[in-house]
Amino acid sequence: MPGTLTRPELTASDRCDRCGAAAQVRAILPSGGELLFCGHHARAHEAKFKELSIDVQAGEAV
């Protein structure tokens, strides 16, 4: 049985791809890519994440 790949936890150096604030959410795209979002932008795009069945991983508070 193959192992599963895990992504590293978000750190204080991870930045939102929209505004550069500290990233709090990782959105994993169906293609395997990922986008990082601050809390504000994650909430703004939440409906689209659900619509596209995008896997969302919340990071620890940094």
C-alpha atoms as a PDB file:
ATOM      1  CA  MET A   1       0.000   0.000   0.000  1.00  0.00           C
ATOM      2  CA  PRO A   2       1.576   3.293  -1.034  1.00  0.00           C
ATOM      3  CA  GLY A   3       2.200   5.942   1.596  1.00  0.00           C
ATOM      4  CA  THR A   4       0.378   9.228   1.521  1.00  0.00           C
ATOM      5  CA  LEU A   5       2.124  12.496   0.938  1.00  0.00           C
ATOM      6  CA  THR A   6       1.717  15.109   3.613  1.00  0.00           C
ATOM      7  CA  ARG A   7       2.337  18.797   3.278  1.00  0.00           C
ATOM      8  CA  PRO A   8       4.365  20.637   5.903  1.00  0.00           C
ATOM      9  CA  GLU A   9       2.611  22.780   8.489  1.00  0.00           C
ATOM     10  CA  LEU A  10       2.325  26.464   7.666  1.00  0.00           C
ATOM     11  CA  THR A  11       4.960  28.608   9.350  1.00  0.00           C
ATOM     12  CA  ALA A  12       5.298  32.309  10.092  1.00  0.00           C
ATOM     13  CA  SER A  13       7.320  32.689   6.890  1.00  0.00           C
ATOM     14  CA  ASP A  14       4.447  31.406   4.673  1.00  0.00           C
ATOM     15  CA  ARG A  15       2.641  34.330   3.049  1.00  0.00           C
ATOM     16  CA  CYS A  16      -0.792  34.843   1.480  1.00  0.00           C
ATOM     17  CA  ASP A  17      -0.638  34.647  -2.320  1.00  0.00           C
ATOM     18  CA  ARG A  18      -3.121  37.548  -2.597  1.00  0.00           C
ATOM     19  CA  CYS A  19      -1.807  40.170  -0.176  1.00  0.00           C
ATOM     20  CA  GLY A  20       1.392  38.966   1.494  1.00  0.00           C
ATOM     21  CA  ALA A  21      -0.067  38.675   5.008  1.00  0.00           C
ATOM     22  CA  ALA A  22       0.738  35.615   7.129  1.00  0.00           C
ATOM     23  CA  ALA A  23      -0.821  32.531   5.541  1.00  0.00           C
ATOM     24  CA  GLN A  24      -3.370  30.688   7.671  1.00  0.00           C
ATOM     25  CA  VAL A  25      -4.925  28.399   5.045  1.00  0.00           C
ATOM     26  CA  ARG A  26      -3.534  26.135   2.321  1.00  0.00           C
ATOM     27  CA  ALA A  27      -5.911  25.435  -0.579  1.00  0.00           C
ATOM     28  CA  ILE A  28      -4.864  22.286  -2.438  1.00  0.00           C
ATOM     29  CA  LEU A  29      -6.019  22.389  -6.039  1.00  0.00           C
ATOM     30  CA  PRO A  30      -7.263  19.292  -7.911  1.00  0.00           C
ATOM     31  CA  SER A  31      -4.182  19.563 -10.168  1.00  0.00           C
ATOM     32  CA  GLY A  32      -1.941  19.156  -7.105  1.00  0.00           C
ATOM     33  CA  GLY A  33      -0.861  22.788  -6.871  1.00  0.00           C
ATOM     34  CA  GLU A  34      -1.564  24.902  -3.835  1.00  0.00           C
ATOM     35  CA  LEU A  35      -2.418  28.453  -2.902  1.00  0.00           C
ATOM     36  CA  LEU A  36      -1.847  30.064   0.484  1.00  0.00           C
ATOM     37  CA  PHE A  37      -4.322  32.550   1.953  1.00  0.00           C
ATOM     38  CA  CYS A  38      -4.586  34.758   5.006  1.00  0.00           C
ATOM     39  CA  GLY A  39      -7.777  34.347   7.042  1.00  0.00           C
ATOM     40  CA  HIS A  40      -9.476  37.279   5.300  1.00  0.00           C
ATOM     41  CA  HIS A  41      -8.899  35.977   1.775  1.00  0.00           C
ATOM     42  CA  ALA A  42      -9.690  32.378   2.754  1.00  0.00           C
ATOM     43  CA  ARG A  43     -13.104  33.521   4.008  1.00  0.00           C
ATOM     44  CA  ALA A  44     -13.621  35.619   0.861  1.00  0.00           C
ATOM     45  CA  HIS A  45     -13.019  32.565  -1.373  1.00  0.00           C
ATOM     46  CA  GLU A  46     -14.652  29.925   0.846  1.00  0.00           C
ATOM     47  CA  ALA A  47     -17.718  29.473  -1.398  1.00  0.00           C
ATOM     48  CA  LYS A  48     -15.504  28.891  -4.454  1.00  0.00           C
ATOM     49  CA  PHE A  49     -13.412  26.320  -2.539  1.00  0.00           C
ATOM     50  CA  LYS A  50     -16.597  24.362  -1.798  1.00  0.00           C
ATOM     51  CA  GLU A  51     -17.915  24.747  -5.358  1.00  0.00           C
ATOM     52  CA  LEU A  52     -14.688  23.343  -6.822  1.00  0.00           C
ATOM     53  CA  SER A  53     -14.217  20.715  -4.073  1.00  0.00           C
ATOM     54  CA  ILE A  54     -10.826  22.176  -3.158  1.00  0.00           C
ATOM     55  CA  ASP A  55      -9.165  20.586  -0.131  1.00  0.00           C
ATOM     56  CA  VAL A  56      -8.487  23.260   2.485  1.00  0.00           C
ATOM     57  CA  GLN A  57      -5.992  22.823   5.313  1.00  0.00           C
ATOM     58  CA  ALA A  58      -5.985  25.352   8.130  1.00  0.00           C
ATOM     59  CA  GLY A  59      -2.640  26.074   9.705  1.00  0.00           C
ATOM     60  CA  GLU A  60      -1.899  26.730  13.340  1.00  0.00           C
ATOM     61  CA  ALA A  61      -2.231  30.290  14.545  1.00  0.00           C
ATOM     62  CA  VAL A  62       1.069  32.044  13.926  1.00  0.00           C
END
